[in-house]
Amino acid sequence: MKEIGEYLREERRKNGVSINEASEDLNINSSLLEAIEEGNAKAFKDIFELKDLVSSYAKYLGLDVSEILDEFNDFVFEKTSKISLDEIKSKNNEEKTNRVTSPYTKIKHTRYDIAPIVLLIAVLLFISLVVYLVLRVVATDTKPTKELYYEGVYYEFTK
């Protein structure tokens, strides 16, 4: 990236354009143009923004944009090809653990929590038992009876 930046700076100076003029003409912050000329790729949000700015700057300076972008792509490839396989795997594992999922794409587990079901069944059985006992007491034989007490003995007459 440093070579690309130096080449762009050299061409800008050959054209007799100051960094402030280029900044105003391109509507790009002068500090970003300086970062491009210094080869400071870390000054940009992402690589795509940097590529777009380098392309615009090269076009502004009247350079062959495809040649500059080929060099830029070589820079990107060289930088990314130096990432070890272990780093890529660890990054993939981090992404898997930090992944945000939609309820429509989330994998649903088939394991059910059985405790609420058991509790519901127990409550229903208890309510059924209470209703049964209440109905049993209310539904006792309520036929009219007559009682007779004679010499310490109760006699009951039913119809």
N, C-alpha and C. Protein backbone atom coordinates (compact mmCIF):
# COMPACT_ATOMS: atom_id res chain seq x y z
N MET A 1 0.83 -1.19 0.00
CA MET A 1 0.00 0.00 0.00
C MET A 1 0.88 1.26 0.00
N LYS A 2 2.03 1.12 0.63
CA LYS A 2 2.92 2.28 0.71
C LYS A 2 3.38 2.71 -0.68
N GLU A 3 3.67 1.72 -1.56
CA GLU A 3 4.12 2.03 -2.92
C GLU A 3 3.01 2.74 -3.70
N ILE A 4 1.79 2.28 -3.53
CA ILE A 4 0.65 2.91 -4.22
C ILE A 4 0.51 4.35 -3.74
N GLY A 5 0.57 4.55 -2.44
CA GLY A 5 0.46 5.89 -1.88
C GLY A 5 1.55 6.83 -2.37
N GLU A 6 2.79 6.33 -2.41
CA GLU A 6 3.90 7.16 -2.89
C GLU A 6 3.71 7.51 -4.36
N TYR A 7 3.25 6.54 -5.14
CA TYR A 7 3.01 6.79 -6.57
C TYR A 7 1.93 7.85 -6.75
N LEU A 8 0.84 7.76 -5.98
CA LEU A 8 -0.24 8.75 -6.07
C LEU A 8 0.26 10.14 -5.66
N ARG A 9 1.08 10.22 -4.62
CA ARG A 9 1.63 11.50 -4.16
C ARG A 9 2.51 12.11 -5.26
N GLU A 10 3.35 11.27 -5.84
CA GLU A 10 4.24 11.73 -6.90
C GLU A 10 3.45 12.28 -8.09
N GLU A 11 2.40 11.58 -8.48
CA GLU A 11 1.58 12.01 -9.61
C GLU A 11 0.82 13.30 -9.28
N ARG A 12 0.36 13.41 -8.04
CA ARG A 12 -0.34 14.63 -7.62
C ARG A 12 0.60 15.82 -7.71
N ARG A 13 1.82 15.64 -7.24
CA ARG A 13 2.81 16.74 -7.29
C ARG A 13 3.18 17.08 -8.73
N LYS A 14 3.29 16.06 -9.61
CA LYS A 14 3.59 16.31 -11.02
C LYS A 14 2.49 17.15 -11.67
N ASN A 15 1.25 16.91 -11.25
CA ASN A 15 0.11 17.65 -11.80
C ASN A 15 -0.01 19.04 -11.17
N GLY A 16 0.78 19.31 -10.14
CA GLY A 16 0.76 20.62 -9.51
C GLY A 16 -0.48 20.85 -8.66
N VAL A 17 -1.00 19.79 -8.08
CA VAL A 17 -2.21 19.89 -7.27
C VAL A 17 -1.81 19.72 -5.80
N SER A 18 -2.33 20.60 -4.95
CA SER A 18 -2.06 20.46 -3.52
C SER A 18 -3.04 19.44 -2.93
N ILE A 19 -2.71 18.94 -1.76
CA ILE A 19 -3.58 17.96 -1.09
C ILE A 19 -4.93 18.58 -0.76
N ASN A 20 -4.94 19.89 -0.43
CA ASN A 20 -6.21 20.56 -0.11
C ASN A 20 -7.08 20.73 -1.35
N GLU A 21 -6.45 21.03 -2.51
CA GLU A 21 -7.23 21.14 -3.75
C GLU A 21 -7.86 19.81 -4.11
N ALA A 22 -7.07 18.75 -4.02
CA ALA A 22 -7.59 17.42 -4.33
C ALA A 22 -8.72 17.05 -3.36
N SER A 23 -8.54 17.41 -2.12
CA SER A 23 -9.55 17.13 -1.11
C SER A 23 -10.86 17.83 -1.43
N GLU A 24 -10.78 19.10 -1.82
CA GLU A 24 -11.99 19.85 -2.16
C GLU A 24 -12.63 19.33 -3.44
N ASP A 25 -11.81 19.03 -4.46
CA ASP A 25 -12.35 18.54 -5.73
C ASP A 25 -13.03 17.18 -5.59
N LEU A 26 -12.43 16.32 -4.80
CA LEU A 26 -12.98 14.97 -4.62
C LEU A 26 -14.01 14.89 -3.50
N ASN A 27 -14.12 15.95 -2.71
CA ASN A 27 -15.01 15.98 -1.55
C ASN A 27 -14.64 14.85 -0.58
N ILE A 28 -13.33 14.71 -0.36
CA ILE A 28 -12.78 13.73 0.57
C ILE A 28 -11.93 14.49 1.58
N ASN A 29 -12.02 14.10 2.82
CA ASN A 29 -11.25 14.74 3.88
C ASN A 29 -9.75 14.65 3.55
N SER A 30 -9.03 15.75 3.73
CA SER A 30 -7.60 15.79 3.39
C SER A 30 -6.79 14.80 4.23
N SER A 31 -7.23 14.54 5.44
CA SER A 31 -6.50 13.58 6.27
C SER A 31 -6.59 12.16 5.69
N LEU A 32 -7.72 11.85 5.03
CA LEU A 32 -7.85 10.55 4.38
C LEU A 32 -6.93 10.45 3.16
N LEU A 33 -6.83 11.54 2.40
CA LEU A 33 -5.92 11.53 1.25
C LEU A 33 -4.47 11.40 1.72
N GLU A 34 -4.13 12.06 2.81
CA GLU A 34 -2.79 11.94 3.36
C GLU A 34 -2.53 10.50 3.82
N ALA A 35 -3.54 9.88 4.43
CA ALA A 35 -3.39 8.49 4.87
C ALA A 35 -3.17 7.56 3.67
N ILE A 36 -3.86 7.83 2.56
CA ILE A 36 -3.66 7.03 1.35
C ILE A 36 -2.22 7.20 0.86
N GLU A 37 -1.77 8.43 0.79
CA GLU A 37 -0.41 8.71 0.30
C GLU A 37 0.68 8.14 1.21
N GLU A 38 0.38 8.03 2.49
CA GLU A 38 1.34 7.46 3.44
C GLU A 38 1.25 5.93 3.48
N GLY A 39 0.22 5.38 2.86
CA GLY A 39 0.04 3.92 2.86
C GLY A 39 -0.55 3.39 4.15
N ASN A 40 -1.25 4.24 4.89
CA ASN A 40 -1.84 3.86 6.17
C ASN A 40 -3.25 3.30 5.95
N ALA A 41 -3.35 2.00 5.76
CA ALA A 41 -4.64 1.36 5.51
C ALA A 41 -5.48 1.28 6.78
N LYS A 42 -4.86 1.39 7.93
CA LYS A 42 -5.60 1.28 9.20
C LYS A 42 -6.45 2.51 9.50
N ALA A 43 -6.27 3.56 8.74
CA ALA A 43 -7.02 4.80 8.97
C ALA A 43 -8.44 4.72 8.40
N PHE A 44 -8.78 3.62 7.76
CA PHE A 44 -10.07 3.50 7.09
C PHE A 44 -10.94 2.46 7.78
N LYS A 45 -12.25 2.67 7.67
CA LYS A 45 -13.21 1.77 8.31
C LYS A 45 -13.06 0.35 7.80
N ASP A 46 -13.03 0.21 6.48
CA ASP A 46 -12.87 -1.11 5.90
C ASP A 46 -12.11 -1.02 4.59
N ILE A 47 -11.73 -2.14 4.06
CA ILE A 47 -10.90 -2.21 2.87
C ILE A 47 -11.65 -1.73 1.64
N PHE A 48 -12.98 -1.88 1.64
CA PHE A 48 -13.78 -1.46 0.49
C PHE A 48 -13.82 0.07 0.37
N GLU A 49 -13.90 0.73 1.51
CA GLU A 49 -13.86 2.19 1.50
C GLU A 49 -12.50 2.68 0.96
N LEU A 50 -11.45 2.03 1.42
CA LEU A 50 -10.11 2.39 0.97
C LEU A 50 -9.98 2.17 -0.55
N LYS A 51 -10.47 1.06 -1.02
CA LYS A 51 -10.39 0.75 -2.47
C LYS A 51 -11.15 1.79 -3.28
N ASP A 52 -12.31 2.17 -2.81
CA ASP A 52 -13.12 3.18 -3.50
C ASP A 52 -12.40 4.53 -3.55
N LEU A 53 -11.81 4.92 -2.44
CA LEU A 53 -11.09 6.20 -2.38
C LEU A 53 -9.84 6.18 -3.26
N VAL A 54 -9.10 5.07 -3.26
CA VAL A 54 -7.91 4.96 -4.11
C VAL A 54 -8.33 5.04 -5.57
N SER A 55 -9.42 4.39 -5.92
CA SER A 55 -9.93 4.42 -7.30
C SER A 55 -10.30 5.85 -7.70
N SER A 56 -11.03 6.54 -6.83
CA SER A 56 -11.42 7.93 -7.12
C SER A 56 -10.22 8.84 -7.24
N TYR A 57 -9.26 8.65 -6.37
CA TYR A 57 -8.05 9.49 -6.37
C TYR A 57 -7.24 9.25 -7.64
N ALA A 58 -7.10 7.99 -8.05
CA ALA A 58 -6.35 7.66 -9.27
C ALA A 58 -7.06 8.24 -10.50
N LYS A 59 -8.36 8.15 -10.53
CA LYS A 59 -9.14 8.69 -11.65
C LYS A 59 -8.96 10.21 -11.71
N TYR A 60 -9.01 10.86 -10.55
CA TYR A 60 -8.84 12.31 -10.46
C TYR A 60 -7.47 12.75 -11.00
N LEU A 61 -6.45 11.94 -10.71
CA LEU A 61 -5.10 12.28 -11.14
C LEU A 61 -4.83 11.88 -12.59
N GLY A 62 -5.81 11.27 -13.26
CA GLY A 62 -5.67 10.90 -14.66
C GLY A 62 -4.83 9.65 -14.86
N LEU A 63 -4.80 8.78 -13.88
CA LEU A 63 -4.01 7.56 -13.96
C LEU A 63 -4.87 6.40 -14.47
N ASP A 64 -4.22 5.32 -14.85
CA ASP A 64 -4.92 4.11 -15.27
C ASP A 64 -5.49 3.43 -14.02
N VAL A 65 -6.80 3.57 -13.84
CA VAL A 65 -7.46 3.08 -12.62
C VAL A 65 -7.32 1.58 -12.50
N SER A 66 -7.46 0.84 -13.60
CA SER A 66 -7.39 -0.62 -13.52
C SER A 66 -6.01 -1.07 -13.07
N GLU A 67 -4.96 -0.38 -13.50
CA GLU A 67 -3.60 -0.73 -13.08
C GLU A 67 -3.42 -0.48 -11.59
N ILE A 68 -3.91 0.65 -11.11
CA ILE A 68 -3.81 0.98 -9.68
C ILE A 68 -4.60 -0.04 -8.86
N LEU A 69 -5.81 -0.39 -9.33
CA LEU A 69 -6.63 -1.34 -8.58
C LEU A 69 -6.02 -2.74 -8.61
N ASP A 70 -5.34 -3.11 -9.69
CA ASP A 70 -4.63 -4.39 -9.70
C ASP A 70 -3.55 -4.42 -8.63
N GLU A 71 -2.80 -3.33 -8.53
CA GLU A 71 -1.77 -3.24 -7.49
C GLU A 71 -2.41 -3.27 -6.10
N PHE A 72 -3.55 -2.58 -5.97
CA PHE A 72 -4.25 -2.56 -4.68
C PHE A 72 -4.72 -3.97 -4.32
N ASN A 73 -5.28 -4.70 -5.30
CA ASN A 73 -5.74 -6.07 -5.04
C ASN A 73 -4.57 -6.98 -4.67
N ASP A 74 -3.40 -6.76 -5.29
CA ASP A 74 -2.22 -7.52 -4.91
C ASP A 74 -1.84 -7.24 -3.47
N PHE A 75 -1.95 -5.97 -3.07
CA PHE A 75 -1.66 -5.59 -1.68
C PHE A 75 -2.62 -6.30 -0.73
N VAL A 76 -3.89 -6.29 -1.08
CA VAL A 76 -4.89 -6.93 -0.22
C VAL A 76 -4.63 -8.42 -0.14
N PHE A 77 -4.34 -9.05 -1.27
CA PHE A 77 -4.08 -10.49 -1.28
C PHE A 77 -2.85 -10.81 -0.44
N GLU A 78 -1.79 -10.01 -0.60
CA GLU A 78 -0.57 -10.26 0.15
C GLU A 78 -0.82 -10.14 1.65
N LYS A 79 -1.61 -9.14 2.01
CA LYS A 79 -1.90 -8.92 3.43
C LYS A 79 -2.75 -10.04 4.00
N THR A 80 -3.78 -10.45 3.27
CA THR A 80 -4.69 -11.47 3.79
C THR A 80 -4.12 -12.87 3.66
N SER A 81 -3.20 -13.10 2.72
CA SER A 81 -2.65 -14.44 2.56
C SER A 81 -1.65 -14.77 3.67
N LYS A 82 -1.24 -13.78 4.44
CA LYS A 82 -0.29 -14.01 5.53
C LYS A 82 -1.00 -14.42 6.82
N ILE A 83 -2.31 -14.48 6.78
CA ILE A 83 -3.06 -14.89 7.97
C ILE A 83 -2.95 -16.41 8.08
N SER A 84 -2.54 -16.89 9.23
CA SER A 84 -2.36 -18.33 9.40
C SER A 84 -3.70 -19.03 9.46
N LEU A 85 -3.68 -20.31 9.13
CA LEU A 85 -4.89 -21.11 9.15
C LEU A 85 -5.47 -21.20 10.56
N ASP A 86 -4.60 -21.26 11.57
CA ASP A 86 -5.06 -21.31 12.95
C ASP A 86 -5.83 -20.04 13.33
N GLU A 87 -5.35 -18.88 12.86
CA GLU A 87 -6.05 -17.62 13.14
C GLU A 87 -7.43 -17.61 12.49
N ILE A 88 -7.49 -18.12 11.27
CA ILE A 88 -8.78 -18.17 10.57
C ILE A 88 -9.75 -19.09 11.30
N LYS A 89 -9.25 -20.25 11.73
CA LYS A 89 -10.12 -21.20 12.46
C LYS A 89 -10.59 -20.61 13.78
N SER A 90 -9.70 -19.93 14.51
CA SER A 90 -10.10 -19.34 15.79
C SER A 90 -11.12 -18.22 15.57
N LYS A 91 -10.95 -17.46 14.49
CA LYS A 91 -11.91 -16.39 14.17
C LYS A 91 -13.26 -17.00 13.82
N ASN A 92 -13.26 -18.10 13.06
CA ASN A 92 -14.51 -18.77 12.71
C ASN A 92 -15.21 -19.28 13.95
N ASN A 93 -14.44 -19.82 14.90
CA ASN A 93 -15.04 -20.31 16.14
C ASN A 93 -15.64 -19.16 16.94
N GLU A 94 -14.96 -18.01 16.97
CA GLU A 94 -15.49 -16.84 17.67
C GLU A 94 -16.79 -16.38 17.03
N GLU A 95 -16.83 -16.38 15.71
CA GLU A 95 -18.04 -15.95 15.00
C GLU A 95 -19.20 -16.89 15.29
N LYS A 96 -18.91 -18.19 15.41
CA LYS A 96 -19.98 -19.15 15.69
C LYS A 96 -20.56 -18.93 17.07
N THR A 97 -19.71 -18.59 18.05
CA THR A 97 -20.22 -18.38 19.41
C THR A 97 -20.92 -17.04 19.55
N ASN A 98 -20.55 -16.06 18.74
CA ASN A 98 -21.13 -14.73 18.84
C ASN A 98 -22.20 -14.50 17.78
N ARG A 99 -22.63 -15.54 17.12
CA ARG A 99 -23.56 -15.40 16.01
C ARG A 99 -24.95 -15.01 16.52
N VAL A 100 -25.55 -14.06 15.86
CA VAL A 100 -26.91 -13.65 16.14
C VAL A 100 -27.81 -14.39 15.17
N THR A 101 -28.82 -15.04 15.69
CA THR A 101 -29.68 -15.82 14.81
C THR A 101 -31.10 -15.31 14.86
N SER A 102 -31.78 -15.54 13.80
CA SER A 102 -33.18 -15.18 13.70
C SER A 102 -34.00 -16.34 14.23
N PRO A 103 -35.19 -16.08 14.77
CA PRO A 103 -36.03 -17.19 15.22
C PRO A 103 -36.46 -18.08 14.06
N TYR A 104 -36.36 -17.58 12.84
CA TYR A 104 -36.75 -18.36 11.67
C TYR A 104 -35.63 -19.28 11.21
N THR A 105 -34.39 -18.95 11.56
CA THR A 105 -33.27 -19.79 11.14
C THR A 105 -32.61 -20.50 12.30
N LYS A 106 -33.07 -20.26 13.50
CA LYS A 106 -32.47 -20.87 14.67
C LYS A 106 -32.76 -22.37 14.67
N ILE A 107 -31.75 -23.15 15.00
CA ILE A 107 -31.92 -24.59 15.09
C ILE A 107 -32.63 -24.88 16.41
N LYS A 108 -33.76 -25.56 16.31
CA LYS A 108 -34.53 -25.85 17.52
C LYS A 108 -34.11 -27.21 18.05
N HIS A 109 -33.87 -27.27 19.34
CA HIS A 109 -33.47 -28.51 19.97
C HIS A 109 -34.72 -29.30 20.32
N THR A 110 -34.64 -30.61 20.21
CA THR A 110 -35.80 -31.45 20.46
C THR A 110 -35.93 -31.84 21.93
N ARG A 111 -34.98 -31.47 22.76
CA ARG A 111 -35.05 -31.80 24.18
C ARG A 111 -36.05 -30.86 24.85
N TYR A 112 -37.03 -31.45 25.51
CA TYR A 112 -38.06 -30.66 26.17
C TYR A 112 -37.81 -30.64 27.66
N ASP A 113 -38.19 -29.55 28.29
CA ASP A 113 -38.10 -29.45 29.73
C ASP A 113 -39.37 -30.08 30.29
N ILE A 114 -39.24 -31.16 31.02
CA ILE A 114 -40.38 -31.94 31.46
C ILE A 114 -40.98 -31.44 32.78
N ALA A 115 -40.26 -30.64 33.53
CA ALA A 115 -40.74 -30.18 34.84
C ALA A 115 -42.07 -29.43 34.75
N PRO A 116 -42.27 -28.49 33.83
CA PRO A 116 -43.57 -27.81 33.78
C PRO A 116 -44.72 -28.76 33.43
N ILE A 117 -44.45 -29.76 32.62
CA ILE A 117 -45.49 -30.72 32.24
C ILE A 117 -45.89 -31.55 33.45
N VAL A 118 -44.92 -32.03 34.23
CA VAL A 118 -45.21 -32.82 35.42
C VAL A 118 -45.97 -31.98 36.44
N LEU A 119 -45.57 -30.73 36.60
CA LEU A 119 -46.26 -29.84 37.53
C LEU A 119 -47.72 -29.62 37.10
N LEU A 120 -47.95 -29.43 35.82
CA LEU A 120 -49.29 -29.23 35.31
C LEU A 120 -50.16 -30.47 35.55
N ILE A 121 -49.62 -31.63 35.32
CA ILE A 121 -50.37 -32.88 35.55
C ILE A 121 -50.69 -33.03 37.03
N ALA A 122 -49.74 -32.72 37.91
CA ALA A 122 -49.98 -32.83 39.35
C ALA A 122 -51.08 -31.87 39.79
N VAL A 123 -51.08 -30.65 39.29
CA VAL A 123 -52.11 -29.67 39.64
C VAL A 123 -53.47 -30.15 39.14
N LEU A 124 -53.53 -30.67 37.93
CA LEU A 124 -54.81 -31.17 37.40
C LEU A 124 -55.33 -32.35 38.21
N LEU A 125 -54.46 -33.25 38.63
CA LEU A 125 -54.89 -34.38 39.47
C LEU A 125 -55.41 -33.89 40.82
N PHE A 126 -54.73 -32.91 41.41
CA PHE A 126 -55.17 -32.37 42.69
C PHE A 126 -56.55 -31.72 42.56
N ILE A 127 -56.74 -30.93 41.52
CA ILE A 127 -58.04 -30.27 41.29
C ILE A 127 -59.12 -31.32 41.07
N SER A 128 -58.80 -32.36 40.31
CA SER A 128 -59.78 -33.43 40.07
C SER A 128 -60.16 -34.12 41.37
N LEU A 129 -59.20 -34.39 42.25
CA LEU A 129 -59.47 -35.03 43.53
C LEU A 129 -60.37 -34.15 44.40
N VAL A 130 -60.08 -32.86 44.44
CA VAL A 130 -60.90 -31.94 45.24
C VAL A 130 -62.33 -31.90 44.70
N VAL A 131 -62.49 -31.83 43.38
CA VAL A 131 -63.83 -31.80 42.78
C VAL A 131 -64.56 -33.10 43.09
N TYR A 132 -63.87 -34.23 43.01
CA TYR A 132 -64.49 -35.53 43.30
C TYR A 132 -64.97 -35.59 44.74
N LEU A 133 -64.14 -35.14 45.69
CA LEU A 133 -64.53 -35.18 47.10
C LEU A 133 -65.70 -34.24 47.39
N VAL A 134 -65.71 -33.08 46.78
CA VAL A 134 -66.81 -32.14 46.99
C VAL A 134 -68.10 -32.73 46.45
N LEU A 135 -68.04 -33.30 45.28
CA LEU A 135 -69.24 -33.90 44.70
C LEU A 135 -69.70 -35.11 45.52
N ARG A 136 -68.79 -35.85 46.08
CA ARG A 136 -69.12 -37.01 46.88
C ARG A 136 -69.87 -36.60 48.15
N VAL A 137 -69.42 -35.52 48.78
CA VAL A 137 -70.07 -35.04 50.00
C VAL A 137 -71.45 -34.49 49.67
N VAL A 138 -71.56 -33.75 48.57
CA VAL A 138 -72.83 -33.14 48.20
C VAL A 138 -73.82 -34.21 47.74
N ALA A 139 -73.31 -35.23 47.10
CA ALA A 139 -74.19 -36.24 46.52
C ALA A 139 -74.51 -37.39 47.47
N THR A 140 -74.29 -37.24 48.76
CA THR A 140 -74.63 -38.32 49.69
C THR A 140 -76.14 -38.51 49.72
N ASP A 141 -76.54 -39.63 50.16
CA ASP A 141 -77.96 -39.98 50.20
C ASP A 141 -78.70 -39.00 51.10
N THR A 142 -79.52 -38.16 50.52
CA THR A 142 -80.24 -37.15 51.30
C THR A 142 -81.72 -37.50 51.43
N LYS A 143 -82.01 -38.79 51.49
CA LYS A 143 -83.40 -39.21 51.68
C LYS A 143 -83.85 -38.83 53.08
N PRO A 144 -85.10 -38.39 53.20
CA PRO A 144 -85.58 -38.03 54.54
C PRO A 144 -85.64 -39.27 55.45
N THR A 145 -85.16 -39.10 56.64
CA THR A 145 -85.16 -40.20 57.60
C THR A 145 -85.89 -39.76 58.86
N LYS A 146 -86.33 -40.75 59.57
CA LYS A 146 -86.97 -40.49 60.87
C LYS A 146 -86.20 -41.29 61.90
N GLU A 147 -85.90 -40.62 63.01
CA GLU A 147 -85.16 -41.30 64.05
C GLU A 147 -86.04 -41.43 65.29
N LEU A 148 -85.75 -42.46 65.98
CA LEU A 148 -86.48 -42.70 67.23
C LEU A 148 -85.47 -43.10 68.28
N TYR A 149 -85.55 -42.43 69.39
CA TYR A 149 -84.63 -42.75 70.46
C TYR A 149 -85.46 -43.38 71.58
N TYR A 150 -85.06 -44.61 71.89
CA TYR A 150 -85.81 -45.30 72.93
C TYR A 150 -84.86 -46.09 73.78
N GLU A 151 -84.84 -45.80 75.00
CA GLU A 151 -84.04 -46.45 76.02
C GLU A 151 -82.58 -46.56 75.61
N GLY A 152 -82.01 -45.43 75.19
CA GLY A 152 -80.58 -45.35 74.88
C GLY A 152 -80.20 -45.91 73.51
N VAL A 153 -81.21 -46.26 72.70
CA VAL A 153 -80.90 -46.82 71.37
C VAL A 153 -81.59 -45.94 70.35
N TYR A 154 -80.84 -45.65 69.26
CA TYR A 154 -81.41 -44.89 68.16
C TYR A 154 -81.96 -45.85 67.14
N TYR A 155 -83.17 -45.58 66.69
CA TYR A 155 -83.79 -46.37 65.63
C TYR A 155 -84.00 -45.43 64.45
N GLU A 156 -83.61 -45.90 63.25
CA GLU A 156 -83.72 -45.03 62.07
C GLU A 156 -84.67 -45.72 61.09
N PHE A 157 -85.59 -44.89 60.55
CA PHE A 157 -86.57 -45.41 59.59
C PHE A 157 -86.37 -44.67 58.28
N THR A 158 -86.27 -45.39 57.20
CA THR A 158 -86.14 -44.78 55.89
C THR A 158 -87.22 -45.27 54.99
N LYS A 159 -87.48 -44.58 53.98
CA LYS A 159 -88.54 -44.99 53.03
C LYS A 159 -87.98 -45.83 51.94
